[in-house]
Amino acid sequence: METSSNDLRRVHLLYDITDEPPVPCEFKVGDKVTLTTRAGDVYRGLEVAGFGKAVNPELRPDAFIYLEDWDCYWYATSPDMLKLESRGDASQEAVVLGGAHED
């Protein structure tokens, strides 16, 4: 699925996301991740679009990460549902891609 820059703008406008997570987490904007849903569906190659500005303690307090490149870009997910594939910045990505890494 191809995502346009309009999709990212739509996420930013609708959900007022930020580049900094509201609580510490290992993910950064631009990281490529694999999402495994609670139902067990796996989506590889998704990109972290941003983070919700605040955590809602009454409604899904662990879900604050927004992803691009999938149908539910508007639905925040939690860090425990994600696995890092590669870093968004070129220097980190080169390290990940250059090593012999097997899952």
N, C-alpha and C. Protein backbone atom coordinates (compact mmCIF):
# COMPACT_ATOMS: atom_id res chain seq x y z
N MET A 1 0.84 -1.18 0.00
CA MET A 1 0.00 0.00 0.00
C MET A 1 0.88 1.24 0.00
N GLU A 2 0.64 2.15 -0.93
CA GLU A 2 1.44 3.36 -1.04
C GLU A 2 0.77 4.49 -0.28
N THR A 3 1.55 5.27 0.45
CA THR A 3 1.02 6.37 1.25
C THR A 3 1.56 7.68 0.70
N SER A 4 0.69 8.65 0.54
CA SER A 4 1.11 9.96 0.06
C SER A 4 1.38 10.89 1.23
N SER A 5 2.01 12.01 0.94
CA SER A 5 2.26 12.99 1.99
C SER A 5 0.95 13.56 2.51
N ASN A 6 -0.11 13.50 1.72
CA ASN A 6 -1.42 13.95 2.19
C ASN A 6 -1.92 13.10 3.34
N ASP A 7 -1.62 11.80 3.31
CA ASP A 7 -2.03 10.91 4.41
C ASP A 7 -1.37 11.34 5.71
N LEU A 8 -0.07 11.64 5.66
CA LEU A 8 0.64 12.07 6.86
C LEU A 8 0.06 13.39 7.37
N ARG A 9 -0.18 14.32 6.47
CA ARG A 9 -0.76 15.61 6.88
C ARG A 9 -2.11 15.40 7.52
N ARG A 10 -2.90 14.49 6.97
CA ARG A 10 -4.23 14.22 7.51
C ARG A 10 -4.12 13.71 8.95
N VAL A 11 -3.17 12.83 9.20
CA VAL A 11 -2.97 12.32 10.56
C VAL A 11 -2.59 13.46 11.49
N HIS A 12 -1.63 14.27 11.08
CA HIS A 12 -1.21 15.39 11.92
C HIS A 12 -2.36 16.34 12.20
N LEU A 13 -3.15 16.64 11.19
CA LEU A 13 -4.25 17.57 11.37
C LEU A 13 -5.36 17.01 12.23
N LEU A 14 -5.73 15.77 11.99
CA LEU A 14 -6.85 15.18 12.72
C LEU A 14 -6.51 14.85 14.17
N TYR A 15 -5.31 14.42 14.40
CA TYR A 15 -4.97 13.92 15.73
C TYR A 15 -3.91 14.75 16.45
N ASP A 16 -3.41 15.80 15.78
CA ASP A 16 -2.46 16.70 16.42
C ASP A 16 -1.32 15.92 17.07
N ILE A 17 -0.66 15.11 16.26
CA ILE A 17 0.43 14.30 16.78
C ILE A 17 1.73 15.10 16.82
N THR A 18 2.69 14.56 17.53
CA THR A 18 3.97 15.22 17.73
C THR A 18 5.11 14.24 17.43
N ASP A 19 6.32 14.76 17.33
CA ASP A 19 7.49 13.92 17.08
C ASP A 19 8.05 13.27 18.34
N GLU A 20 7.59 13.72 19.50
CA GLU A 20 8.09 13.20 20.78
C GLU A 20 7.00 12.40 21.49
N PRO A 21 7.31 11.20 21.96
CA PRO A 21 6.29 10.41 22.68
C PRO A 21 5.95 11.05 24.03
N PRO A 22 4.71 10.87 24.49
CA PRO A 22 4.30 11.44 25.77
C PRO A 22 4.91 10.72 26.97
N VAL A 23 5.35 9.50 26.76
CA VAL A 23 6.05 8.72 27.78
C VAL A 23 7.25 8.05 27.08
N PRO A 24 8.28 7.70 27.82
CA PRO A 24 9.46 7.08 27.18
C PRO A 24 9.10 5.79 26.43
N CYS A 25 9.67 5.67 25.23
CA CYS A 25 9.53 4.43 24.46
C CYS A 25 10.71 4.34 23.50
N GLU A 26 10.94 3.16 22.96
CA GLU A 26 12.10 2.94 22.11
C GLU A 26 11.93 3.44 20.68
N PHE A 27 10.72 3.82 20.28
CA PHE A 27 10.44 4.16 18.89
C PHE A 27 10.56 5.66 18.64
N LYS A 28 10.94 5.98 17.37
CA LYS A 28 11.08 7.36 16.93
C LYS A 28 10.33 7.51 15.61
N VAL A 29 9.95 8.74 15.30
CA VAL A 29 9.31 9.03 14.02
C VAL A 29 10.24 8.58 12.89
N GLY A 30 9.69 7.89 11.92
CA GLY A 30 10.46 7.40 10.78
C GLY A 30 10.94 5.98 10.92
N ASP A 31 10.88 5.41 12.12
CA ASP A 31 11.28 4.01 12.30
C ASP A 31 10.37 3.10 11.50
N LYS A 32 10.94 2.05 10.94
CA LYS A 32 10.17 1.00 10.29
C LYS A 32 9.90 -0.08 11.34
N VAL A 33 8.65 -0.50 11.43
CA VAL A 33 8.25 -1.46 12.45
C VAL A 33 7.35 -2.54 11.88
N THR A 34 7.24 -3.63 12.63
CA THR A 34 6.25 -4.67 12.36
C THR A 34 5.21 -4.56 13.45
N LEU A 35 3.95 -4.53 13.05
CA LEU A 35 2.82 -4.48 13.98
C LEU A 35 2.18 -5.85 14.04
N THR A 36 1.98 -6.37 15.25
CA THR A 36 1.21 -7.59 15.45
C THR A 36 -0.01 -7.19 16.26
N THR A 37 -1.19 -7.33 15.65
CA THR A 37 -2.42 -6.93 16.32
C THR A 37 -2.80 -7.93 17.40
N ARG A 38 -3.74 -7.55 18.23
CA ARG A 38 -4.23 -8.45 19.29
C ARG A 38 -4.85 -9.71 18.68
N ALA A 39 -5.35 -9.61 17.46
CA ALA A 39 -5.93 -10.76 16.77
C ALA A 39 -4.87 -11.65 16.12
N GLY A 40 -3.59 -11.20 16.17
CA GLY A 40 -2.52 -12.00 15.61
C GLY A 40 -2.15 -11.66 14.18
N ASP A 41 -2.80 -10.66 13.58
CA ASP A 41 -2.44 -10.23 12.23
C ASP A 41 -1.11 -9.50 12.28
N VAL A 42 -0.26 -9.75 11.28
CA VAL A 42 1.08 -9.15 11.25
C VAL A 42 1.19 -8.24 10.02
N TYR A 43 1.66 -7.01 10.25
CA TYR A 43 1.88 -6.02 9.20
C TYR A 43 3.33 -5.55 9.29
N ARG A 44 4.09 -5.84 8.24
CA ARG A 44 5.52 -5.49 8.23
C ARG A 44 5.75 -4.23 7.41
N GLY A 45 6.85 -3.54 7.71
CA GLY A 45 7.27 -2.39 6.91
C GLY A 45 6.47 -1.13 7.15
N LEU A 46 5.83 -1.01 8.30
CA LEU A 46 5.08 0.20 8.62
C LEU A 46 6.03 1.25 9.19
N GLU A 47 5.67 2.51 9.02
CA GLU A 47 6.51 3.60 9.51
C GLU A 47 5.82 4.34 10.64
N VAL A 48 6.59 4.67 11.67
CA VAL A 48 6.05 5.48 12.78
C VAL A 48 5.85 6.90 12.26
N ALA A 49 4.59 7.37 12.28
CA ALA A 49 4.25 8.71 11.79
C ALA A 49 4.39 9.75 12.88
N GLY A 50 4.13 9.36 14.12
CA GLY A 50 4.21 10.30 15.23
C GLY A 50 3.55 9.73 16.47
N PHE A 51 3.41 10.60 17.47
CA PHE A 51 2.90 10.19 18.78
C PHE A 51 1.78 11.12 19.23
N GLY A 52 0.82 10.55 19.93
CA GLY A 52 -0.20 11.39 20.55
C GLY A 52 0.46 12.29 21.58
N LYS A 53 -0.04 13.50 21.73
CA LYS A 53 0.58 14.45 22.65
C LYS A 53 0.39 14.08 24.11
N ALA A 54 -0.64 13.33 24.40
CA ALA A 54 -0.91 12.95 25.79
C ALA A 54 -1.46 11.53 25.83
N VAL A 55 -1.29 10.90 26.96
CA VAL A 55 -1.82 9.56 27.20
C VAL A 55 -3.17 9.73 27.90
N ASN A 56 -4.18 9.01 27.41
CA ASN A 56 -5.49 9.05 28.04
C ASN A 56 -5.58 7.88 29.02
N PRO A 57 -5.52 8.18 30.33
CA PRO A 57 -5.51 7.09 31.32
C PRO A 57 -6.80 6.29 31.39
N GLU A 58 -7.89 6.84 30.86
CA GLU A 58 -9.18 6.14 30.92
C GLU A 58 -9.48 5.34 29.65
N LEU A 59 -8.84 5.68 28.55
CA LEU A 59 -9.12 5.02 27.28
C LEU A 59 -7.80 4.64 26.61
N ARG A 60 -7.44 3.37 26.66
CA ARG A 60 -6.24 2.86 26.00
C ARG A 60 -4.99 3.67 26.36
N PRO A 61 -4.61 3.71 27.63
CA PRO A 61 -3.49 4.55 28.04
C PRO A 61 -2.14 4.15 27.44
N ASP A 62 -2.04 2.93 26.94
CA ASP A 62 -0.78 2.48 26.35
C ASP A 62 -0.70 2.74 24.85
N ALA A 63 -1.78 3.23 24.24
CA ALA A 63 -1.83 3.43 22.79
C ALA A 63 -1.60 4.90 22.44
N PHE A 64 -0.40 5.20 21.94
CA PHE A 64 -0.08 6.58 21.60
C PHE A 64 0.79 6.70 20.35
N ILE A 65 1.06 5.58 19.66
CA ILE A 65 1.91 5.60 18.47
C ILE A 65 1.04 5.48 17.22
N TYR A 66 1.21 6.44 16.30
CA TYR A 66 0.48 6.43 15.04
C TYR A 66 1.40 5.94 13.92
N LEU A 67 0.86 5.09 13.05
CA LEU A 67 1.63 4.48 11.97
C LEU A 67 1.11 4.92 10.62
N GLU A 68 2.04 5.03 9.66
CA GLU A 68 1.68 5.26 8.27
C GLU A 68 1.65 3.91 7.56
N ASP A 69 1.24 3.92 6.33
CA ASP A 69 1.33 2.76 5.45
C ASP A 69 0.42 1.61 5.82
N TRP A 70 -0.63 1.87 6.54
CA TRP A 70 -1.63 0.82 6.77
C TRP A 70 -3.00 1.45 6.86
N ASP A 71 -4.03 0.67 6.70
CA ASP A 71 -5.40 1.17 6.60
C ASP A 71 -5.88 1.91 7.85
N CYS A 72 -5.36 1.59 9.00
CA CYS A 72 -5.83 2.20 10.26
C CYS A 72 -4.84 3.23 10.79
N TYR A 73 -4.34 4.09 9.90
CA TYR A 73 -3.36 5.11 10.29
C TYR A 73 -3.87 6.01 11.41
N TRP A 74 -5.16 6.14 11.53
CA TRP A 74 -5.80 7.03 12.51
C TRP A 74 -5.93 6.40 13.89
N TYR A 75 -5.61 5.12 14.01
CA TYR A 75 -5.81 4.39 15.25
C TYR A 75 -4.45 4.19 15.94
N ALA A 76 -4.29 4.79 17.10
CA ALA A 76 -3.01 4.67 17.81
C ALA A 76 -2.80 3.24 18.30
N THR A 77 -1.55 2.84 18.33
CA THR A 77 -1.20 1.51 18.82
C THR A 77 -0.22 1.64 19.99
N SER A 78 0.03 0.56 20.65
CA SER A 78 0.91 0.59 21.82
C SER A 78 2.28 0.00 21.47
N PRO A 79 3.31 0.41 22.19
CA PRO A 79 4.66 -0.09 21.90
C PRO A 79 4.78 -1.61 22.00
N ASP A 80 4.01 -2.24 22.86
CA ASP A 80 4.13 -3.70 23.00
C ASP A 80 3.63 -4.47 21.79
N MET A 81 2.95 -3.79 20.87
CA MET A 81 2.46 -4.43 19.64
C MET A 81 3.43 -4.25 18.47
N LEU A 82 4.54 -3.54 18.73
CA LEU A 82 5.48 -3.21 17.66
C LEU A 82 6.83 -3.87 17.87
N LYS A 83 7.47 -4.17 16.74
CA LYS A 83 8.85 -4.67 16.76
C LYS A 83 9.64 -3.81 15.78
N LEU A 84 10.76 -3.28 16.22
CA LEU A 84 11.59 -2.43 15.38
C LEU A 84 12.23 -3.23 14.26
N GLU A 85 12.07 -2.75 13.03
CA GLU A 85 12.75 -3.34 11.87
C GLU A 85 14.02 -2.56 11.57
N SER A 86 13.91 -1.23 11.50
CA SER A 86 15.07 -0.37 11.24
C SER A 86 14.77 1.04 11.70
N ARG A 87 15.83 1.78 11.99
CA ARG A 87 15.71 3.18 12.42
C ARG A 87 15.42 4.05 11.21
N GLY A 88 14.72 5.14 11.46
CA GLY A 88 14.35 6.07 10.40
C GLY A 88 15.50 6.89 9.87
N ASP A 89 16.53 7.16 10.69
CA ASP A 89 17.63 7.97 10.18
C ASP A 89 18.63 7.09 9.45
N ALA A 90 19.30 7.66 8.46
CA ALA A 90 20.16 6.90 7.55
C ALA A 90 21.33 6.22 8.26
N SER A 91 21.93 6.87 9.25
CA SER A 91 23.10 6.28 9.89
C SER A 91 22.74 5.00 10.65
N GLN A 92 21.63 5.00 11.37
CA GLN A 92 21.21 3.81 12.11
C GLN A 92 20.75 2.72 11.14
N GLU A 93 20.06 3.13 10.08
CA GLU A 93 19.56 2.15 9.12
C GLU A 93 20.71 1.41 8.46
N ALA A 94 21.79 2.12 8.14
CA ALA A 94 22.95 1.49 7.50
C ALA A 94 23.55 0.43 8.41
N VAL A 95 23.58 0.68 9.70
CA VAL A 95 24.11 -0.29 10.66
C VAL A 95 23.24 -1.54 10.68
N VAL A 96 21.91 -1.33 10.73
CA VAL A 96 20.98 -2.46 10.78
C VAL A 96 21.07 -3.28 9.49
N LEU A 97 21.09 -2.60 8.34
CA LEU A 97 21.11 -3.31 7.07
C LEU A 97 22.47 -3.93 6.78
N GLY A 98 23.54 -3.36 7.34
CA GLY A 98 24.88 -3.84 7.05
C GLY A 98 25.26 -5.08 7.83
N GLY A 99 24.60 -5.35 8.94
CA GLY A 99 24.94 -6.49 9.78
C GLY A 99 24.25 -7.75 9.32
N ALA A 100 24.74 -8.86 9.79
CA ALA A 100 24.11 -10.14 9.49
C ALA A 100 23.11 -10.44 10.61
N HIS A 101 21.89 -10.03 10.41
CA HIS A 101 20.88 -10.15 11.47
C HIS A 101 19.77 -11.09 11.00
N GLU A 102 19.56 -12.11 11.73
CA GLU A 102 18.49 -13.08 11.42
C GLU A 102 17.52 -13.12 12.59
N ASP A 103 16.24 -13.20 12.31
CA ASP A 103 15.23 -13.34 13.39
C ASP A 103 14.99 -14.79 13.67
